[in-house]
C-alpha cells in the first residue's frame, strides 16, 4: 500500500532549513510569505525584536474589492505591492525575502515582483 506524502510537512522542513541562515534585522527585515489554498499573506518582520512591522493579505479591505475578477497570481501581485507600499511608509527600503519553504514560482514569485514594483529592494 502506498502512503501519501504530506506536502506541508515537507514544506516546513524546507522552511526550517532555509531559516537557519535567513534572519531579518532592524536594518533589513524579513519579508515572509504564507500561501493557503485561497489566500496569500505577506509580513515584514524584524527578527531581533520579534515584531511584525507591516502585513498585507488578500483579506485586506484596501484590495478586497479589486480581487473579484483577478486570478490568484494577480491578487498575489497586488498583495506584494500593498506590503511594499506599507513598508516604504514605515521607512523600510531593503528586505530579505523568505519564501516560507514554497518554491519560487507562481504566487510566491508574484508577491516578490509586486514588492519590487512598489520599491522594495532585495
N, C-alpha and C. Protein backbone atom coordinates (compact mmCIF):
# COMPACT_ATOMS: atom_id res chain seq x y z
N UNK A 1 0.84 -1.18 0.00
CA UNK A 1 0.00 0.00 0.00
C UNK A 1 0.88 1.24 0.00
N UNK A 2 0.44 2.23 -0.76
CA UNK A 2 1.19 3.46 -0.86
C UNK A 2 0.77 4.43 0.22
N UNK A 3 1.74 5.15 0.76
CA UNK A 3 1.40 6.18 1.73
C UNK A 3 1.48 7.54 1.05
N UNK A 4 0.57 8.42 1.39
CA UNK A 4 0.52 9.72 0.78
C UNK A 4 1.52 10.64 1.45
N UNK A 5 2.27 11.40 0.66
CA UNK A 5 3.27 12.32 1.18
C UNK A 5 2.57 13.58 1.69
N UNK A 6 2.93 14.00 2.90
CA UNK A 6 2.39 15.23 3.47
C UNK A 6 3.21 16.40 2.94
N UNK A 7 2.66 17.09 1.94
CA UNK A 7 3.40 18.16 1.27
C UNK A 7 3.70 19.32 2.21
N UNK A 8 2.79 19.58 3.14
CA UNK A 8 3.02 20.68 4.07
C UNK A 8 4.16 20.36 5.04
N UNK A 9 4.29 19.11 5.44
CA UNK A 9 5.39 18.72 6.31
C UNK A 9 6.72 18.85 5.58
N UNK A 10 6.74 18.51 4.30
CA UNK A 10 7.95 18.66 3.50
C UNK A 10 8.30 20.14 3.36
N UNK A 11 7.28 20.98 3.15
CA UNK A 11 7.49 22.42 3.05
C UNK A 11 8.06 22.98 4.34
N UNK A 12 7.54 22.52 5.48
CA UNK A 12 8.02 23.00 6.78
C UNK A 12 9.48 22.63 7.01
N UNK A 13 9.87 21.44 6.60
CA UNK A 13 11.28 21.04 6.71
C UNK A 13 12.15 21.96 5.86
N UNK A 14 11.69 22.23 4.64
CA UNK A 14 12.43 23.14 3.75
C UNK A 14 12.51 24.53 4.36
N UNK A 15 11.42 24.99 4.98
CA UNK A 15 11.38 26.31 5.60
C UNK A 15 12.35 26.40 6.78
N UNK A 16 12.38 25.39 7.63
CA UNK A 16 13.30 25.41 8.76
C UNK A 16 14.76 25.38 8.30
N UNK A 17 15.03 24.63 7.25
CA UNK A 17 16.37 24.59 6.69
C UNK A 17 16.77 25.97 6.15
N UNK A 18 15.82 26.63 5.52
CA UNK A 18 16.06 27.96 4.95
C UNK A 18 16.25 29.00 6.06
N UNK A 19 15.47 28.89 7.13
CA UNK A 19 15.52 29.87 8.21
C UNK A 19 16.77 29.76 9.07
N UNK A 20 17.51 28.66 8.96
CA UNK A 20 18.77 28.55 9.69
C UNK A 20 19.71 29.69 9.35
N UNK A 21 19.73 30.05 8.07
CA UNK A 21 20.67 31.06 7.59
C UNK A 21 20.01 32.40 7.28
N UNK A 22 18.70 32.48 7.40
CA UNK A 22 17.97 33.68 6.98
C UNK A 22 17.39 34.37 8.20
N UNK A 23 17.85 35.59 8.48
CA UNK A 23 17.34 36.35 9.61
C UNK A 23 17.06 37.77 9.18
N UNK A 24 16.03 38.35 9.75
CA UNK A 24 15.72 39.74 9.49
C UNK A 24 16.26 40.60 10.62
N UNK A 25 16.89 41.69 10.26
CA UNK A 25 17.41 42.63 11.25
C UNK A 25 16.60 43.91 11.19
N UNK A 26 16.93 44.86 12.06
CA UNK A 26 16.18 46.12 12.03
C UNK A 26 16.54 46.92 10.77
N UNK A 27 17.78 46.76 10.26
CA UNK A 27 18.16 47.46 9.02
C UNK A 27 17.57 46.77 7.79
N UNK A 28 17.48 45.44 7.86
CA UNK A 28 16.99 44.67 6.73
C UNK A 28 16.05 43.56 7.22
N UNK A 29 14.77 43.90 7.45
CA UNK A 29 13.82 42.90 7.97
C UNK A 29 13.48 41.82 6.94
N UNK A 30 12.77 40.83 7.40
CA UNK A 30 12.42 39.67 6.58
C UNK A 30 11.01 39.82 6.03
N UNK A 31 10.87 39.65 4.71
CA UNK A 31 9.56 39.65 4.06
C UNK A 31 9.12 38.20 3.94
N UNK A 32 8.17 37.80 4.77
CA UNK A 32 7.72 36.42 4.84
C UNK A 32 6.42 36.26 4.05
N UNK A 33 6.29 35.12 3.37
CA UNK A 33 5.10 34.83 2.57
C UNK A 33 4.48 33.54 3.07
N UNK A 34 3.17 33.55 3.28
CA UNK A 34 2.42 32.34 3.59
C UNK A 34 1.32 32.19 2.55
N UNK A 35 1.19 31.00 2.01
CA UNK A 35 0.24 30.75 0.95
C UNK A 35 -0.74 29.67 1.39
N UNK A 36 -2.02 30.01 1.43
CA UNK A 36 -3.04 29.00 1.67
C UNK A 36 -3.71 28.68 0.34
N UNK A 37 -4.70 27.84 0.35
CA UNK A 37 -5.32 27.48 -0.92
C UNK A 37 -6.08 28.64 -1.56
N UNK A 38 -6.67 29.50 -0.74
CA UNK A 38 -7.47 30.60 -1.28
C UNK A 38 -6.85 31.97 -1.12
N UNK A 39 -5.98 32.15 -0.15
CA UNK A 39 -5.43 33.48 0.16
C UNK A 39 -3.92 33.45 0.23
N UNK A 40 -3.33 34.65 0.25
CA UNK A 40 -1.89 34.78 0.42
C UNK A 40 -1.64 35.90 1.41
N UNK A 41 -0.65 35.71 2.26
CA UNK A 41 -0.33 36.65 3.32
C UNK A 41 1.14 37.02 3.22
N UNK A 42 1.47 38.28 3.48
CA UNK A 42 2.86 38.73 3.48
C UNK A 42 3.09 39.61 4.70
N UNK A 43 4.23 39.42 5.35
CA UNK A 43 4.58 40.20 6.53
C UNK A 43 6.03 40.64 6.43
N UNK A 44 6.31 41.81 6.95
CA UNK A 44 7.69 42.27 7.10
C UNK A 44 8.00 42.19 8.59
N UNK A 45 8.98 41.35 8.94
CA UNK A 45 9.24 41.00 10.34
C UNK A 45 10.67 41.37 10.72
N UNK A 46 10.81 42.02 11.88
CA UNK A 46 12.12 42.27 12.48
C UNK A 46 12.38 41.15 13.48
N UNK A 47 13.31 40.24 13.15
CA UNK A 47 13.55 39.07 13.99
C UNK A 47 14.32 39.39 15.26
N UNK A 48 15.02 40.52 15.32
CA UNK A 48 15.76 40.85 16.54
C UNK A 48 14.82 41.16 17.69
N UNK A 49 13.70 41.81 17.39
CA UNK A 49 12.71 42.13 18.43
C UNK A 49 11.50 41.21 18.36
N UNK A 50 11.32 40.51 17.24
CA UNK A 50 10.18 39.63 17.09
C UNK A 50 8.90 40.36 16.73
N UNK A 51 9.03 41.56 16.16
CA UNK A 51 7.86 42.36 15.83
C UNK A 51 7.53 42.29 14.35
N UNK A 52 6.24 42.25 14.05
CA UNK A 52 5.77 42.39 12.67
C UNK A 52 5.61 43.87 12.40
N UNK A 53 6.38 44.38 11.44
CA UNK A 53 6.34 45.81 11.14
C UNK A 53 5.17 46.15 10.22
N UNK A 54 4.94 45.31 9.22
CA UNK A 54 3.91 45.56 8.21
C UNK A 54 3.33 44.22 7.79
N UNK A 55 2.04 44.21 7.48
CA UNK A 55 1.41 42.99 6.98
C UNK A 55 0.38 43.34 5.91
N UNK A 56 0.15 42.40 5.01
CA UNK A 56 -0.88 42.57 3.98
C UNK A 56 -1.34 41.18 3.55
N UNK A 57 -2.58 41.11 3.11
CA UNK A 57 -3.11 39.84 2.62
C UNK A 57 -4.25 40.11 1.65
N UNK A 58 -4.75 39.04 1.06
CA UNK A 58 -5.89 39.19 0.15
C UNK A 58 -7.17 39.48 0.91
N UNK A 59 -7.14 39.41 2.22
CA UNK A 59 -8.31 39.72 3.04
C UNK A 59 -8.39 41.19 3.43
N UNK A 60 -7.36 41.99 3.10
CA UNK A 60 -7.35 43.41 3.45
C UNK A 60 -8.46 44.16 2.73
N UNK A 61 -9.05 45.11 3.44
CA UNK A 61 -10.16 45.88 2.87
C UNK A 61 -9.71 46.75 1.70
N UNK A 62 -8.44 47.18 1.70
CA UNK A 62 -7.94 48.06 0.64
C UNK A 62 -7.98 47.41 -0.74
N UNK A 63 -7.72 46.11 -0.79
CA UNK A 63 -7.65 45.46 -2.10
C UNK A 63 -8.75 44.41 -2.31
N UNK A 64 -9.58 44.20 -1.32
CA UNK A 64 -10.60 43.14 -1.42
C UNK A 64 -11.56 43.40 -2.58
N UNK A 65 -11.91 44.65 -2.82
CA UNK A 65 -12.83 44.98 -3.91
C UNK A 65 -12.23 44.77 -5.29
N UNK A 66 -10.91 44.86 -5.40
CA UNK A 66 -10.24 44.71 -6.69
C UNK A 66 -10.04 43.25 -7.09
N UNK A 67 -10.28 42.32 -6.17
CA UNK A 67 -9.93 40.93 -6.41
C UNK A 67 -11.00 40.11 -7.10
N UNK A 68 -12.17 40.69 -7.34
CA UNK A 68 -13.29 39.91 -7.87
C UNK A 68 -12.99 39.26 -9.22
N UNK A 69 -12.36 39.99 -10.13
CA UNK A 69 -12.13 39.48 -11.47
C UNK A 69 -10.68 39.05 -11.70
N UNK A 70 -9.89 38.91 -10.64
CA UNK A 70 -8.47 38.59 -10.77
C UNK A 70 -8.20 37.12 -10.42
N UNK A 71 -7.13 36.61 -11.01
CA UNK A 71 -6.68 35.27 -10.65
C UNK A 71 -5.90 35.35 -9.34
N UNK A 72 -5.56 34.19 -8.77
CA UNK A 72 -4.81 34.18 -7.51
C UNK A 72 -3.42 34.78 -7.69
N UNK A 73 -2.81 34.58 -8.85
CA UNK A 73 -1.48 35.13 -9.10
C UNK A 73 -1.54 36.65 -9.20
N UNK A 74 -2.54 37.18 -9.88
CA UNK A 74 -2.71 38.63 -9.98
C UNK A 74 -3.01 39.23 -8.61
N UNK A 75 -3.80 38.53 -7.81
CA UNK A 75 -4.09 39.00 -6.45
C UNK A 75 -2.82 39.00 -5.60
N UNK A 76 -1.96 38.03 -5.80
CA UNK A 76 -0.70 37.96 -5.06
C UNK A 76 0.19 39.14 -5.40
N UNK A 77 0.18 39.54 -6.66
CA UNK A 77 0.97 40.70 -7.06
C UNK A 77 0.46 41.96 -6.38
N UNK A 78 -0.86 42.09 -6.25
CA UNK A 78 -1.44 43.24 -5.55
C UNK A 78 -1.04 43.23 -4.07
N UNK A 79 -1.01 42.05 -3.45
CA UNK A 79 -0.60 41.94 -2.05
C UNK A 79 0.86 42.37 -1.92
N UNK A 80 1.70 41.97 -2.86
CA UNK A 80 3.10 42.37 -2.85
C UNK A 80 3.27 43.87 -2.95
N UNK A 81 2.48 44.50 -3.84
CA UNK A 81 2.54 45.95 -3.98
C UNK A 81 2.09 46.63 -2.69
N UNK A 82 1.03 46.11 -2.08
CA UNK A 82 0.50 46.71 -0.86
C UNK A 82 1.49 46.60 0.29
N UNK A 83 2.09 45.44 0.46
CA UNK A 83 3.07 45.28 1.55
C UNK A 83 4.30 46.14 1.27
N UNK A 84 4.67 46.29 0.00
CA UNK A 84 5.80 47.15 -0.35
C UNK A 84 5.52 48.62 -0.04
N UNK A 85 4.32 49.08 -0.36
CA UNK A 85 3.95 50.47 -0.07
C UNK A 85 3.92 50.72 1.43
N UNK A 86 3.34 49.79 2.17
CA UNK A 86 3.27 49.95 3.63
C UNK A 86 4.66 49.93 4.25
N UNK A 87 5.55 49.09 3.73
CA UNK A 87 6.91 49.03 4.26
C UNK A 87 7.66 50.33 3.99
N UNK A 88 7.47 50.89 2.80
CA UNK A 88 8.13 52.15 2.48
C UNK A 88 7.62 53.28 3.37
N UNK A 89 6.32 53.26 3.71
CA UNK A 89 5.77 54.26 4.62
C UNK A 89 6.40 54.16 6.00
N UNK A 90 6.78 52.94 6.41
CA UNK A 90 7.43 52.73 7.71
C UNK A 90 8.93 53.00 7.66
N UNK A 91 9.46 53.28 6.46
CA UNK A 91 10.88 53.56 6.34
C UNK A 91 11.74 52.36 6.01
N UNK A 92 11.13 51.26 5.64
CA UNK A 92 11.88 50.05 5.27
C UNK A 92 12.08 50.05 3.76
N UNK A 93 13.34 50.02 3.33
CA UNK A 93 13.62 50.02 1.89
C UNK A 93 14.22 48.70 1.43
N UNK A 94 15.00 48.04 2.29
CA UNK A 94 15.63 46.77 1.93
C UNK A 94 15.10 45.66 2.83
N UNK A 95 14.80 44.52 2.23
CA UNK A 95 14.31 43.37 2.98
C UNK A 95 15.03 42.11 2.52
N UNK A 96 14.89 41.06 3.31
CA UNK A 96 15.35 39.72 2.95
C UNK A 96 14.09 38.93 2.63
N UNK A 97 14.06 38.28 1.48
CA UNK A 97 12.85 37.57 1.06
C UNK A 97 12.85 36.16 1.63
N UNK A 98 11.81 35.83 2.38
CA UNK A 98 11.62 34.50 2.95
C UNK A 98 10.41 33.88 2.27
N UNK A 99 10.65 32.92 1.41
CA UNK A 99 9.56 32.32 0.63
C UNK A 99 8.78 31.30 1.42
N UNK A 100 9.12 31.06 2.66
CA UNK A 100 8.35 30.20 3.54
C UNK A 100 8.41 28.72 3.19
N UNK A 101 9.46 28.30 2.50
CA UNK A 101 9.57 26.90 2.12
C UNK A 101 8.88 26.57 0.82
N UNK A 102 8.16 27.53 0.25
CA UNK A 102 7.49 27.31 -1.03
C UNK A 102 8.50 27.49 -2.16
N UNK A 103 8.24 26.90 -3.30
CA UNK A 103 9.09 27.10 -4.46
C UNK A 103 8.88 28.52 -4.98
N UNK A 104 9.95 29.11 -5.51
CA UNK A 104 9.87 30.48 -6.00
C UNK A 104 9.27 30.47 -7.41
N UNK A 105 7.97 30.33 -7.46
CA UNK A 105 7.24 30.33 -8.71
C UNK A 105 5.79 30.68 -8.42
N UNK A 106 5.05 31.07 -9.43
CA UNK A 106 3.62 31.34 -9.27
C UNK A 106 3.31 32.47 -8.33
N UNK A 107 2.49 32.18 -7.33
CA UNK A 107 2.01 33.23 -6.42
C UNK A 107 3.10 33.81 -5.55
N UNK A 108 4.06 32.98 -5.13
CA UNK A 108 5.15 33.46 -4.28
C UNK A 108 6.04 34.43 -5.07
N UNK A 109 6.34 34.09 -6.31
CA UNK A 109 7.13 34.98 -7.16
C UNK A 109 6.36 36.26 -7.47
N UNK A 110 5.04 36.17 -7.58
CA UNK A 110 4.23 37.36 -7.86
C UNK A 110 4.26 38.33 -6.69
N UNK A 111 4.28 37.83 -5.46
CA UNK A 111 4.40 38.71 -4.30
C UNK A 111 5.72 39.45 -4.35
N UNK A 112 6.80 38.73 -4.65
CA UNK A 112 8.12 39.37 -4.73
C UNK A 112 8.16 40.41 -5.84
N UNK A 113 7.57 40.09 -6.97
CA UNK A 113 7.55 41.02 -8.09
C UNK A 113 6.76 42.28 -7.76
N UNK A 114 5.62 42.11 -7.10
CA UNK A 114 4.82 43.27 -6.70
C UNK A 114 5.53 44.13 -5.68
N UNK A 115 6.25 43.52 -4.74
CA UNK A 115 7.00 44.28 -3.74
C UNK A 115 8.14 45.05 -4.40
N UNK A 116 8.78 44.44 -5.38
CA UNK A 116 9.85 45.15 -6.11
C UNK A 116 9.29 46.33 -6.88
N UNK A 117 8.11 46.15 -7.50
CA UNK A 117 7.48 47.25 -8.24
C UNK A 117 7.12 48.40 -7.30
N UNK A 118 6.77 48.08 -6.06
CA UNK A 118 6.43 49.12 -5.08
C UNK A 118 7.67 49.89 -4.63
N UNK A 119 8.85 49.28 -4.80
CA UNK A 119 10.08 50.00 -4.44
C UNK A 119 10.94 49.29 -3.42
N UNK A 120 10.56 48.11 -2.97
CA UNK A 120 11.41 47.38 -2.03
C UNK A 120 12.59 46.77 -2.75
N UNK A 121 13.68 46.65 -2.03
CA UNK A 121 14.93 46.13 -2.58
C UNK A 121 15.28 44.82 -1.90
N UNK A 122 15.53 43.75 -2.65
CA UNK A 122 16.06 42.52 -2.07
C UNK A 122 16.95 41.81 -3.00
